[in-house]
Amino acid sequence: ILQNQAPTDFYILIEGSVDIVFTENNKEKVVGTFENAGEICGEIGVLC
């Protein structure tokens, strides 16, 4: 998922790990990591 992208889907982690990256003033910062099965990402854009 890209920041500021149109909310078309949300994803649920089954295996692996993903970083949550926030971009501000063209600077990226990792603000969190999902490593456990059942963690969800992209739901804020879809629901809100």
ModelCIF file with pLDDT and N, C-alpha, C, O atoms, coordinates in Angstrom:
data_MODEL
#
_entry.id   MODEL 
#
_entity.id                         1 
_entity.type                       polymer 
_entity.pdbx_number_of_molecules   1 
#
_entity_poly.entity_id                      1 
_entity_poly.type                           'polypeptide(L)' 
_entity_poly.nstd_linkage                   no 
_entity_poly.nstd_monomer                   no 
_entity_poly.pdbx_seq_one_letter_code       ILQNQAPTDFYILIEGSVDIVFTENNKEKVVGTFENAGEICGEIGVLC 
_entity_poly.pdbx_seq_one_letter_code_can   ILQNQAPTDFYILIEGSVDIVFTENNKEKVVGTFENAGEICGEIGVLC 
_entity_poly.pdbx_strand_id                 A 
#
loop_
_entity_poly_seq.entity_id 
_entity_poly_seq.num 
_entity_poly_seq.mon_id 
_entity_poly_seq.hetero 
1 1  ILE n 
1 2  LEU n 
1 3  GLN n 
1 4  ASN n 
1 5  GLN n 
1 6  ALA n 
1 7  PRO n 
1 8  THR n 
1 9  ASP n 
1 10 PHE n 
1 11 TYR n 
1 12 ILE n 
1 13 LEU n 
1 14 ILE n 
1 15 GLU n 
1 16 GLY n 
1 17 SER n 
1 18 VAL n 
1 19 ASP n 
1 20 ILE n 
1 21 VAL n 
1 22 PHE n 
1 23 THR n 
1 24 GLU n 
1 25 ASN n 
1 26 ASN n 
1 27 LYS n 
1 28 GLU n 
1 29 LYS n 
1 30 VAL n 
1 31 VAL n 
1 32 GLY n 
1 33 THR n 
1 34 PHE n 
1 35 GLU n 
1 36 ASN n 
1 37 ALA n 
1 38 GLY n 
1 39 GLU n 
1 40 ILE n 
1 41 CYS n 
1 42 GLY n 
1 43 GLU n 
1 44 ILE n 
1 45 GLY n 
1 46 VAL n 
1 47 LEU n 
1 48 CYS n 
#
_struct_asym.id          A 
_struct_asym.entity_id   1 
#
loop_
_ma_qa_metric.id 
_ma_qa_metric.mode 
_ma_qa_metric.name 
_ma_qa_metric.software_group_id 
_ma_qa_metric.type 
1 global pLDDT . pLDDT 
2 local  pLDDT . pLDDT 
#
_ma_qa_metric_global.metric_id      1 
_ma_qa_metric_global.metric_value   89.81 
_ma_qa_metric_global.model_id       1 
_ma_qa_metric_global.ordinal_id     1 
#
loop_
_ma_qa_metric_local.label_asym_id 
_ma_qa_metric_local.label_comp_id 
_ma_qa_metric_local.label_seq_id 
_ma_qa_metric_local.metric_id 
_ma_qa_metric_local.metric_value 
_ma_qa_metric_local.model_id 
_ma_qa_metric_local.ordinal_id 
A ILE 1  2 91.00 1 1  
A LEU 2  2 90.00 1 2  
A GLN 3  2 90.00 1 3  
A ASN 4  2 89.00 1 4  
A GLN 5  2 90.00 1 5  
A ALA 6  2 89.00 1 6  
A PRO 7  2 89.00 1 7  
A THR 8  2 91.00 1 8  
A ASP 9  2 92.00 1 9  
A PHE 10 2 93.00 1 10 
A TYR 11 2 94.00 1 11 
A ILE 12 2 93.00 1 12 
A LEU 13 2 92.00 1 13 
A ILE 14 2 90.00 1 14 
A GLU 15 2 88.00 1 15 
A GLY 16 2 88.00 1 16 
A SER 17 2 91.00 1 17 
A VAL 18 2 92.00 1 18 
A ASP 19 2 92.00 1 19 
A ILE 20 2 91.00 1 20 
A VAL 21 2 91.00 1 21 
A PHE 22 2 90.00 1 22 
A THR 23 2 89.00 1 23 
A GLU 24 2 86.00 1 24 
A ASN 25 2 84.00 1 25 
A ASN 26 2 83.00 1 26 
A LYS 27 2 87.00 1 27 
A GLU 28 2 87.00 1 28 
A LYS 29 2 89.00 1 29 
A VAL 30 2 89.00 1 30 
A VAL 31 2 89.00 1 31 
A GLY 32 2 88.00 1 32 
A THR 33 2 91.00 1 33 
A PHE 34 2 91.00 1 34 
A GLU 35 2 90.00 1 35 
A ASN 36 2 89.00 1 36 
A ALA 37 2 89.00 1 37 
A GLY 38 2 90.00 1 38 
A GLU 39 2 92.00 1 39 
A ILE 40 2 92.00 1 40 
A CYS 41 2 92.00 1 41 
A GLY 42 2 90.00 1 42 
A GLU 43 2 91.00 1 43 
A ILE 44 2 90.00 1 44 
A GLY 45 2 90.00 1 45 
A VAL 46 2 90.00 1 46 
A LEU 47 2 89.00 1 47 
A CYS 48 2 88.00 1 48 
#
loop_
_atom_site.group_PDB 
_atom_site.id 
_atom_site.type_symbol 
_atom_site.label_atom_id 
_atom_site.label_alt_id 
_atom_site.label_comp_id 
_atom_site.label_asym_id 
_atom_site.label_entity_id 
_atom_site.label_seq_id 
_atom_site.pdbx_PDB_ins_code 
_atom_site.Cartn_x 
_atom_site.Cartn_y 
_atom_site.Cartn_z 
_atom_site.occupancy 
_atom_site.B_iso_or_equiv 
_atom_site.pdbx_formal_charge 
_atom_site.auth_seq_id 
_atom_site.auth_comp_id 
_atom_site.auth_asym_id 
_atom_site.auth_atom_id 
_atom_site.pdbx_PDB_model_num 
ATOM 1   N N  . ILE A 1 1  ? 0.869   -1.183  0.000  1.00 91.00 ? 1  ILE A N  1 
ATOM 2   C CA . ILE A 1 1  ? 0.000   0.000   0.000  1.00 91.00 ? 1  ILE A CA 1 
ATOM 3   C C  . ILE A 1 1  ? 0.901   1.226   0.000  1.00 91.00 ? 1  ILE A C  1 
ATOM 4   O O  . ILE A 1 1  ? 1.931   1.241   0.673  1.00 91.00 ? 1  ILE A O  1 
ATOM 5   N N  . LEU A 1 2  ? 0.522   2.248   -0.745 1.00 90.00 ? 2  LEU A N  1 
ATOM 6   C CA . LEU A 1 2  ? 1.272   3.499   -0.773 1.00 90.00 ? 2  LEU A CA 1 
ATOM 7   C C  . LEU A 1 2  ? 0.525   4.571   0.012  1.00 90.00 ? 2  LEU A C  1 
ATOM 8   O O  . LEU A 1 2  ? -0.701  4.652   -0.052 1.00 90.00 ? 2  LEU A O  1 
ATOM 9   N N  . GLN A 1 3  ? 1.255   5.381   0.742  1.00 90.00 ? 3  GLN A N  1 
ATOM 10  C CA . GLN A 1 3  ? 0.652   6.488   1.469  1.00 90.00 ? 3  GLN A CA 1 
ATOM 11  C C  . GLN A 1 3  ? -0.032  7.445   0.500  1.00 90.00 ? 3  GLN A C  1 
ATOM 12  O O  . GLN A 1 3  ? 0.512   7.780   -0.552 1.00 90.00 ? 3  GLN A O  1 
ATOM 13  N N  . ASN A 1 4  ? -1.243  7.883   0.878  1.00 89.00 ? 4  ASN A N  1 
ATOM 14  C CA . ASN A 1 4  ? -2.087  8.786   0.083  1.00 89.00 ? 4  ASN A CA 1 
ATOM 15  C C  . ASN A 1 4  ? -2.700  8.103   -1.143 1.00 89.00 ? 4  ASN A C  1 
ATOM 16  O O  . ASN A 1 4  ? -3.299  8.762   -1.992 1.00 89.00 ? 4  ASN A O  1 
ATOM 17  N N  . GLN A 1 5  ? -2.545  6.772   -1.230 1.00 90.00 ? 5  GLN A N  1 
ATOM 18  C CA . GLN A 1 5  ? -3.183  6.024   -2.315 1.00 90.00 ? 5  GLN A CA 1 
ATOM 19  C C  . GLN A 1 5  ? -4.677  5.905   -2.051 1.00 90.00 ? 5  GLN A C  1 
ATOM 20  O O  . GLN A 1 5  ? -5.102  5.892   -0.896 1.00 90.00 ? 5  GLN A O  1 
ATOM 21  N N  . ALA A 1 6  ? -5.470  5.818   -3.102 1.00 89.00 ? 6  ALA A N  1 
ATOM 22  C CA . ALA A 1 6  ? -6.911  5.629   -2.943 1.00 89.00 ? 6  ALA A CA 1 
ATOM 23  C C  . ALA A 1 6  ? -7.181  4.302   -2.235 1.00 89.00 ? 6  ALA A C  1 
ATOM 24  O O  . ALA A 1 6  ? -6.551  3.296   -2.563 1.00 89.00 ? 6  ALA A O  1 
ATOM 25  N N  . PRO A 1 7  ? -8.100  4.280   -1.275 1.00 89.00 ? 7  PRO A N  1 
ATOM 26  C CA . PRO A 1 7  ? -8.344  3.061   -0.488 1.00 89.00 ? 7  PRO A CA 1 
ATOM 27  C C  . PRO A 1 7  ? -9.181  2.049   -1.252 1.00 89.00 ? 7  PRO A C  1 
ATOM 28  O O  . PRO A 1 7  ? -10.409 2.127   -1.248 1.00 89.00 ? 7  PRO A O  1 
ATOM 29  N N  . THR A 1 8  ? -8.528  1.106   -1.902 1.00 91.00 ? 8  THR A N  1 
ATOM 30  C CA . THR A 1 8  ? -9.253  0.094   -2.679 1.00 91.00 ? 8  THR A CA 1 
ATOM 31  C C  . THR A 1 8  ? -9.276  -1.271  -1.996 1.00 91.00 ? 8  THR A C  1 
ATOM 32  O O  . THR A 1 8  ? -10.174 -2.072  -2.253 1.00 91.00 ? 8  THR A O  1 
ATOM 33  N N  . ASP A 1 9  ? -8.287  -1.550  -1.116 1.00 92.00 ? 9  ASP A N  1 
ATOM 34  C CA . ASP A 1 9  ? -8.198  -2.870  -0.489 1.00 92.00 ? 9  ASP A CA 1 
ATOM 35  C C  . ASP A 1 9  ? -7.593  -2.721  0.902  1.00 92.00 ? 9  ASP A C  1 
ATOM 36  O O  . ASP A 1 9  ? -6.896  -1.749  1.192  1.00 92.00 ? 9  ASP A O  1 
ATOM 37  N N  . PHE A 1 10 ? -7.871  -3.698  1.754  1.00 93.00 ? 10 PHE A N  1 
ATOM 38  C CA . PHE A 1 10 ? -7.086  -3.862  2.974  1.00 93.00 ? 10 PHE A CA 1 
ATOM 39  C C  . PHE A 1 10 ? -6.577  -5.295  3.041  1.00 93.00 ? 10 PHE A C  1 
ATOM 40  O O  . PHE A 1 10 ? -7.138  -6.193  2.413  1.00 93.00 ? 10 PHE A O  1 
ATOM 41  N N  . TYR A 1 11 ? -5.506  -5.502  3.811  1.00 94.00 ? 11 TYR A N  1 
ATOM 42  C CA . TYR A 1 11 ? -4.782  -6.766  3.798  1.00 94.00 ? 11 TYR A CA 1 
ATOM 43  C C  . TYR A 1 11 ? -4.631  -7.310  5.208  1.00 94.00 ? 11 TYR A C  1 
ATOM 44  O O  . TYR A 1 11 ? -4.474  -6.559  6.171  1.00 94.00 ? 11 TYR A O  1 
ATOM 45  N N  . ILE A 1 12 ? -4.683  -8.645  5.309  1.00 93.00 ? 12 ILE A N  1 
ATOM 46  C CA . ILE A 1 12 ? -4.471  -9.343  6.580  1.00 93.00 ? 12 ILE A CA 1 
ATOM 47  C C  . ILE A 1 12 ? -3.239  -10.218 6.442  1.00 93.00 ? 12 ILE A C  1 
ATOM 48  O O  . ILE A 1 12 ? -3.151  -11.031 5.522  1.00 93.00 ? 12 ILE A O  1 
ATOM 49  N N  . LEU A 1 13 ? -2.288  -10.054 7.351  1.00 92.00 ? 13 LEU A N  1 
ATOM 50  C CA . LEU A 1 13 ? -1.029  -10.793 7.296  1.00 92.00 ? 13 LEU A CA 1 
ATOM 51  C C  . LEU A 1 13 ? -1.244  -12.254 7.685  1.00 92.00 ? 13 LEU A C  1 
ATOM 52  O O  . LEU A 1 13 ? -1.844  -12.549 8.718  1.00 92.00 ? 13 LEU A O  1 
ATOM 53  N N  . ILE A 1 14 ? -0.747  -13.164 6.845  1.00 90.00 ? 14 ILE A N  1 
ATOM 54  C CA . ILE A 1 14 ? -0.795  -14.601 7.133  1.00 90.00 ? 14 ILE A CA 1 
ATOM 55  C C  . ILE A 1 14 ? 0.597   -15.105 7.521  1.00 90.00 ? 14 ILE A C  1 
ATOM 56  O O  . ILE A 1 14 ? 0.756   -15.743 8.562  1.00 90.00 ? 14 ILE A O  1 
ATOM 57  N N  . GLU A 1 15 ? 1.597   -14.825 6.697  1.00 88.00 ? 15 GLU A N  1 
ATOM 58  C CA . GLU A 1 15 ? 2.982   -15.177 6.996  1.00 88.00 ? 15 GLU A CA 1 
ATOM 59  C C  . GLU A 1 15 ? 3.896   -14.060 6.511  1.00 88.00 ? 15 GLU A C  1 
ATOM 60  O O  . GLU A 1 15 ? 3.584   -13.350 5.554  1.00 88.00 ? 15 GLU A O  1 
ATOM 61  N N  . GLY A 1 16 ? 5.047   -13.916 7.200  1.00 88.00 ? 16 GLY A N  1 
ATOM 62  C CA . GLY A 1 16 ? 6.011   -12.905 6.823  1.00 88.00 ? 16 GLY A CA 1 
ATOM 63  C C  . GLY A 1 16 ? 5.974   -11.721 7.771  1.00 88.00 ? 16 GLY A C  1 
ATOM 64  O O  . GLY A 1 16 ? 5.540   -11.851 8.915  1.00 88.00 ? 16 GLY A O  1 
ATOM 65  N N  . SER A 1 17 ? 6.420   -10.580 7.307  1.00 91.00 ? 17 SER A N  1 
ATOM 66  C CA . SER A 1 17 ? 6.425   -9.361  8.108  1.00 91.00 ? 17 SER A CA 1 
ATOM 67  C C  . SER A 1 17 ? 6.440   -8.152  7.189  1.00 91.00 ? 17 SER A C  1 
ATOM 68  O O  . SER A 1 17 ? 6.983   -8.199  6.085  1.00 91.00 ? 17 SER A O  1 
ATOM 69  N N  . VAL A 1 18 ? 5.821   -7.040  7.671  1.00 92.00 ? 18 VAL A N  1 
ATOM 70  C CA . VAL A 1 18 ? 5.748   -5.806  6.888  1.00 92.00 ? 18 VAL A CA 1 
ATOM 71  C C  . VAL A 1 18 ? 6.076   -4.629  7.794  1.00 92.00 ? 18 VAL A C  1 
ATOM 72  O O  . VAL A 1 18 ? 5.841   -4.669  9.002  1.00 92.00 ? 18 VAL A O  1 
ATOM 73  N N  . ASP A 1 19 ? 6.625   -3.579  7.187  1.00 92.00 ? 19 ASP A N  1 
ATOM 74  C CA . ASP A 1 19 ? 6.912   -2.334  7.888  1.00 92.00 ? 19 ASP A CA 1 
ATOM 75  C C  . ASP A 1 19 ? 5.822   -1.316  7.605  1.00 92.00 ? 19 ASP A C  1 
ATOM 76  O O  . ASP A 1 19 ? 5.279   -1.252  6.502  1.00 92.00 ? 19 ASP A O  1 
ATOM 77  N N  . ILE A 1 20 ? 5.507   -0.510  8.637  1.00 91.00 ? 20 ILE A N  1 
ATOM 78  C CA . ILE A 1 20 ? 4.578   0.612   8.486  1.00 91.00 ? 20 ILE A CA 1 
ATOM 79  C C  . ILE A 1 20 ? 5.432   1.864   8.341  1.00 91.00 ? 20 ILE A C  1 
ATOM 80  O O  . ILE A 1 20 ? 6.141   2.254   9.268  1.00 91.00 ? 20 ILE A O  1 
ATOM 81  N N  . VAL A 1 21 ? 5.360   2.483   7.181  1.00 91.00 ? 21 VAL A N  1 
ATOM 82  C CA . VAL A 1 21 ? 6.245   3.609   6.856  1.00 91.00 ? 21 VAL A CA 1 
ATOM 83  C C  . VAL A 1 21 ? 5.414   4.877   6.707  1.00 91.00 ? 21 VAL A C  1 
ATOM 84  O O  . VAL A 1 21 ? 4.419   4.901   5.982  1.00 91.00 ? 21 VAL A O  1 
ATOM 85  N N  . PHE A 1 22 ? 5.837   5.936   7.408  1.00 90.00 ? 22 PHE A N  1 
ATOM 86  C CA . PHE A 1 22 ? 5.178   7.235   7.303  1.00 90.00 ? 22 PHE A CA 1 
ATOM 87  C C  . PHE A 1 22 ? 6.131   8.218   6.647  1.00 90.00 ? 22 PHE A C  1 
ATOM 88  O O  . PHE A 1 22 ? 7.273   8.364   7.084  1.00 90.00 ? 22 PHE A O  1 
ATOM 89  N N  . THR A 1 23 ? 5.671   8.893   5.601  1.00 89.00 ? 23 THR A N  1 
ATOM 90  C CA . THR A 1 23 ? 6.492   9.843   4.863  1.00 89.00 ? 23 THR A CA 1 
ATOM 91  C C  . THR A 1 23 ? 6.027   11.263  5.154  1.00 89.00 ? 23 THR A C  1 
ATOM 92  O O  . THR A 1 23 ? 4.847   11.585  5.018  1.00 89.00 ? 23 THR A O  1 
ATOM 93  N N  . GLU A 1 24 ? 6.975   12.106  5.557  1.00 86.00 ? 24 GLU A N  1 
ATOM 94  C CA . GLU A 1 24 ? 6.681   13.507  5.846  1.00 86.00 ? 24 GLU A CA 1 
ATOM 95  C C  . GLU A 1 24 ? 7.867   14.348  5.393  1.00 86.00 ? 24 GLU A C  1 
ATOM 96  O O  . GLU A 1 24 ? 9.006   14.099  5.787  1.00 86.00 ? 24 GLU A O  1 
ATOM 97  N N  . ASN A 1 25 ? 7.587   15.341  4.568  1.00 84.00 ? 25 ASN A N  1 
ATOM 98  C CA . ASN A 1 25 ? 8.638   16.193  4.017  1.00 84.00 ? 25 ASN A CA 1 
ATOM 99  C C  . ASN A 1 25 ? 9.672   15.372  3.251  1.00 84.00 ? 25 ASN A C  1 
ATOM 100 O O  . ASN A 1 25 ? 10.875  15.616  3.338  1.00 84.00 ? 25 ASN A O  1 
ATOM 101 N N  . ASN A 1 26 ? 9.167   14.384  2.493  1.00 83.00 ? 26 ASN A N  1 
ATOM 102 C CA . ASN A 1 26 ? 10.010  13.505  1.666  1.00 83.00 ? 26 ASN A CA 1 
ATOM 103 C C  . ASN A 1 26 ? 10.981  12.670  2.485  1.00 83.00 ? 26 ASN A C  1 
ATOM 104 O O  . ASN A 1 26 ? 11.974  12.179  1.948  1.00 83.00 ? 26 ASN A O  1 
ATOM 105 N N  . LYS A 1 27 ? 10.717  12.501  3.761  1.00 87.00 ? 27 LYS A N  1 
ATOM 106 C CA . LYS A 1 27 ? 11.543  11.670  4.628  1.00 87.00 ? 27 LYS A CA 1 
ATOM 107 C C  . LYS A 1 27 ? 10.712  10.507  5.155  1.00 87.00 ? 27 LYS A C  1 
ATOM 108 O O  . LYS A 1 27 ? 9.640   10.702  5.727  1.00 87.00 ? 27 LYS A O  1 
ATOM 109 N N  . GLU A 1 28 ? 11.225  9.294   4.954  1.00 87.00 ? 28 GLU A N  1 
ATOM 110 C CA . GLU A 1 28 ? 10.515  8.104   5.396  1.00 87.00 ? 28 GLU A CA 1 
ATOM 111 C C  . GLU A 1 28 ? 10.918  7.728   6.818  1.00 87.00 ? 28 GLU A C  1 
ATOM 112 O O  . GLU A 1 28 ? 12.077  7.864   7.209  1.00 87.00 ? 28 GLU A O  1 
ATOM 113 N N  . LYS A 1 29 ? 9.939   7.253   7.577  1.00 89.00 ? 29 LYS A N  1 
ATOM 114 C CA . LYS A 1 29 ? 10.197  6.803   8.941  1.00 89.00 ? 29 LYS A CA 1 
ATOM 115 C C  . LYS A 1 29 ? 9.367   5.561   9.215  1.00 89.00 ? 29 LYS A C  1 
ATOM 116 O O  . LYS A 1 29 ? 8.151   5.564   9.024  1.00 89.00 ? 29 LYS A O  1 
ATOM 117 N N  . VAL A 1 30 ? 10.023  4.504   9.660  1.00 89.00 ? 30 VAL A N  1 
ATOM 118 C CA . VAL A 1 30 ? 9.319   3.269   10.017 1.00 89.00 ? 30 VAL A CA 1 
ATOM 119 C C  . VAL A 1 30 ? 8.720   3.447   11.405 1.00 89.00 ? 30 VAL A C  1 
ATOM 120 O O  . VAL A 1 30 ? 9.444   3.551   12.394 1.00 89.00 ? 30 VAL A O  1 
ATOM 121 N N  . VAL A 1 31 ? 7.395   3.482   11.471 1.00 89.00 ? 31 VAL A N  1 
ATOM 122 C CA . VAL A 1 31 ? 6.717   3.736   12.749 1.00 89.00 ? 31 VAL A CA 1 
ATOM 123 C C  . VAL A 1 31 ? 6.176   2.461   13.383 1.00 89.00 ? 31 VAL A C  1 
ATOM 124 O O  . VAL A 1 31 ? 5.633   2.508   14.487 1.00 89.00 ? 31 VAL A O  1 
ATOM 125 N N  . GLY A 1 32 ? 6.312   1.343   12.719 1.00 88.00 ? 32 GLY A N  1 
ATOM 126 C CA . GLY A 1 32 ? 5.834   0.087   13.288 1.00 88.00 ? 32 GLY A CA 1 
ATOM 127 C C  . GLY A 1 32 ? 6.118   -1.079  12.367 1.00 88.00 ? 32 GLY A C  1 
ATOM 128 O O  . GLY A 1 32 ? 6.494   -0.899  11.209 1.00 88.00 ? 32 GLY A O  1 
ATOM 129 N N  . THR A 1 33 ? 5.936   -2.270  12.892 1.00 91.00 ? 33 THR A N  1 
ATOM 130 C CA . THR A 1 33 ? 6.160   -3.493  12.126 1.00 91.00 ? 33 THR A CA 1 
ATOM 131 C C  . THR A 1 33 ? 5.098   -4.520  12.487 1.00 91.00 ? 33 THR A C  1 
ATOM 132 O O  . THR A 1 33 ? 4.796   -4.724  13.663 1.00 91.00 ? 33 THR A O  1 
ATOM 133 N N  . PHE A 1 34 ? 4.538   -5.160  11.479 1.00 91.00 ? 34 PHE A N  1 
ATOM 134 C CA . PHE A 1 34 ? 3.604   -6.259  11.681 1.00 91.00 ? 34 PHE A CA 1 
ATOM 135 C C  . PHE A 1 34 ? 4.330   -7.563  11.392 1.00 91.00 ? 34 PHE A C  1 
ATOM 136 O O  . PHE A 1 34 ? 4.858   -7.751  10.296 1.00 91.00 ? 34 PHE A O  1 
ATOM 137 N N  . GLU A 1 35 ? 4.360   -8.466  12.368 1.00 90.00 ? 35 GLU A N  1 
ATOM 138 C CA . GLU A 1 35 ? 5.046   -9.740  12.211 1.00 90.00 ? 35 GLU A CA 1 
ATOM 139 C C  . GLU A 1 35 ? 4.177   -10.933 12.562 1.00 90.00 ? 35 GLU A C  1 
ATOM 140 O O  . GLU A 1 35 ? 4.572   -12.076 12.328 1.00 90.00 ? 35 GLU A O  1 
ATOM 141 N N  . ASN A 1 36 ? 3.005   -10.686 13.116 1.00 89.00 ? 36 ASN A N  1 
ATOM 142 C CA . ASN A 1 36 ? 2.152   -11.768 13.595 1.00 89.00 ? 36 ASN A CA 1 
ATOM 143 C C  . ASN A 1 36 ? 0.958   -11.974 12.673 1.00 89.00 ? 36 ASN A C  1 
ATOM 144 O O  . ASN A 1 36 ? 0.383   -11.019 12.152 1.00 89.00 ? 36 ASN A O  1 
ATOM 145 N N  . ALA A 1 37 ? 0.600   -13.236 12.485 1.00 89.00 ? 37 ALA A N  1 
ATOM 146 C CA . ALA A 1 37 ? -0.566  -13.550 11.671 1.00 89.00 ? 37 ALA A CA 1 
ATOM 147 C C  . ALA A 1 37 ? -1.803  -12.912 12.289 1.00 89.00 ? 37 ALA A C  1 
ATOM 148 O O  . ALA A 1 37 ? -1.998  -12.967 13.503 1.00 89.00 ? 37 ALA A O  1 
ATOM 149 N N  . GLY A 1 38 ? -2.641  -12.303 11.443 1.00 90.00 ? 38 GLY A N  1 
ATOM 150 C CA . GLY A 1 38 ? -3.868  -11.681 11.918 1.00 90.00 ? 38 GLY A CA 1 
ATOM 151 C C  . GLY A 1 38 ? -3.786  -10.171 12.053 1.00 90.00 ? 38 GLY A C  1 
ATOM 152 O O  . GLY A 1 38 ? -4.786  -9.524  12.361 1.00 90.00 ? 38 GLY A O  1 
ATOM 153 N N  . GLU A 1 39 ? -2.601  -9.596  11.825 1.00 92.00 ? 39 GLU A N  1 
ATOM 154 C CA . GLU A 1 39 ? -2.488  -8.140  11.863 1.00 92.00 ? 39 GLU A CA 1 
ATOM 155 C C  . GLU A 1 39 ? -2.954  -7.582  10.526 1.00 92.00 ? 39 GLU A C  1 
ATOM 156 O O  . GLU A 1 39 ? -2.698  -8.160  9.470  1.00 92.00 ? 39 GLU A O  1 
ATOM 157 N N  . ILE A 1 40 ? -3.647  -6.441  10.594 1.00 92.00 ? 40 ILE A N  1 
ATOM 158 C CA . ILE A 1 40 ? -4.323  -5.898  9.421  1.00 92.00 ? 40 ILE A CA 1 
ATOM 159 C C  . ILE A 1 40 ? -3.726  -4.544  9.055  1.00 92.00 ? 40 ILE A C  1 
ATOM 160 O O  . ILE A 1 40 ? -3.301  -3.787  9.928  1.00 92.00 ? 40 ILE A O  1 
ATOM 161 N N  . CYS A 1 41 ? -3.697  -4.248  7.766  1.00 92.00 ? 41 CYS A N  1 
ATOM 162 C CA . CYS A 1 41 ? -3.186  -2.966  7.301  1.00 92.00 ? 41 CYS A CA 1 
ATOM 163 C C  . CYS A 1 41 ? -4.063  -2.460  6.160  1.00 92.00 ? 41 CYS A C  1 
ATOM 164 O O  . CYS A 1 41 ? -4.625  -3.249  5.400  1.00 92.00 ? 41 CYS A O  1 
ATOM 165 N N  . GLY A 1 42 ? -4.175  -1.135  6.048  1.00 90.00 ? 42 GLY A N  1 
ATOM 166 C CA . GLY A 1 42 ? -4.999  -0.519  5.018  1.00 90.00 ? 42 GLY A CA 1 
ATOM 167 C C  . GLY A 1 42 ? -6.449  -0.349  5.398  1.00 90.00 ? 42 GLY A C  1 
ATOM 168 O O  . GLY A 1 42 ? -7.238  0.183   4.617  1.00 90.00 ? 42 GLY A O  1 
ATOM 169 N N  . GLU A 1 43 ? -6.819  -0.801  6.605  1.00 91.00 ? 43 GLU A N  1 
ATOM 170 C CA . GLU A 1 43 ? -8.220  -0.746  7.001  1.00 91.00 ? 43 GLU A CA 1 
ATOM 171 C C  . GLU A 1 43 ? -8.676  0.676   7.310  1.00 91.00 ? 43 GLU A C  1 
ATOM 172 O O  . GLU A 1 43 ? -9.856  0.992   7.161  1.00 91.00 ? 43 GLU A O  1 
ATOM 173 N N  . ILE A 1 44 ? -7.746  1.544   7.743  1.00 90.00 ? 44 ILE A N  1 
ATOM 174 C CA . ILE A 1 44 ? -8.128  2.909   8.099  1.00 90.00 ? 44 ILE A CA 1 
ATOM 175 C C  . ILE A 1 44 ? -8.645  3.649   6.868  1.00 90.00 ? 44 ILE A C  1 
ATOM 176 O O  . ILE A 1 44 ? -9.680  4.312   6.921  1.00 90.00 ? 44 ILE A O  1 
ATOM 177 N N  . GLY A 1 45 ? -7.909  3.527   5.754  1.00 90.00 ? 45 GLY A N  1 
ATOM 178 C CA . GLY A 1 45 ? -8.346  4.199   4.541  1.00 90.00 ? 45 GLY A CA 1 
ATOM 179 C C  . GLY A 1 45 ? -9.678  3.682   4.037  1.00 90.00 ? 45 GLY A C  1 
ATOM 180 O O  . GLY A 1 45 ? -10.517 4.469   3.598  1.00 90.00 ? 45 GLY A O  1 
ATOM 181 N N  . VAL A 1 46 ? -9.893  2.366   4.089  1.00 90.00 ? 46 VAL A N  1 
ATOM 182 C CA . VAL A 1 46 ? -11.126 1.764   3.574  1.00 90.00 ? 46 VAL A CA 1 
ATOM 183 C C  . VAL A 1 46 ? -12.318 2.147   4.439  1.00 90.00 ? 46 VAL A C  1 
ATOM 184 O O  . VAL A 1 46 ? -13.355 2.547   3.910  1.00 90.00 ? 46 VAL A O  1 
ATOM 185 N N  . LEU A 1 47 ? -12.193 2.032   5.757  1.00 89.00 ? 47 LEU A N  1 
ATOM 186 C CA . LEU A 1 47 ? -13.331 2.267   6.649  1.00 89.00 ? 47 LEU A CA 1 
ATOM 187 C C  . LEU A 1 47 ? -13.627 3.746   6.833  1.00 89.00 ? 47 LEU A C  1 
ATOM 188 O O  . LEU A 1 47 ? -14.785 4.138   6.973  1.00 89.00 ? 47 LEU A O  1 
ATOM 189 N N  . CYS A 1 48 ? -12.574 4.577   6.832  1.00 88.00 ? 48 CYS A N  1 
ATOM 190 C CA . CYS A 1 48 ? -12.779 6.017   7.018  1.00 88.00 ? 48 CYS A CA 1 
ATOM 191 C C  . CYS A 1 48 ? -12.961 6.756   5.692  1.00 88.00 ? 48 CYS A C  1 
ATOM 192 O O  . CYS A 1 48 ? -13.143 7.974   5.684  1.00 88.00 ? 48 CYS A O  1 
#
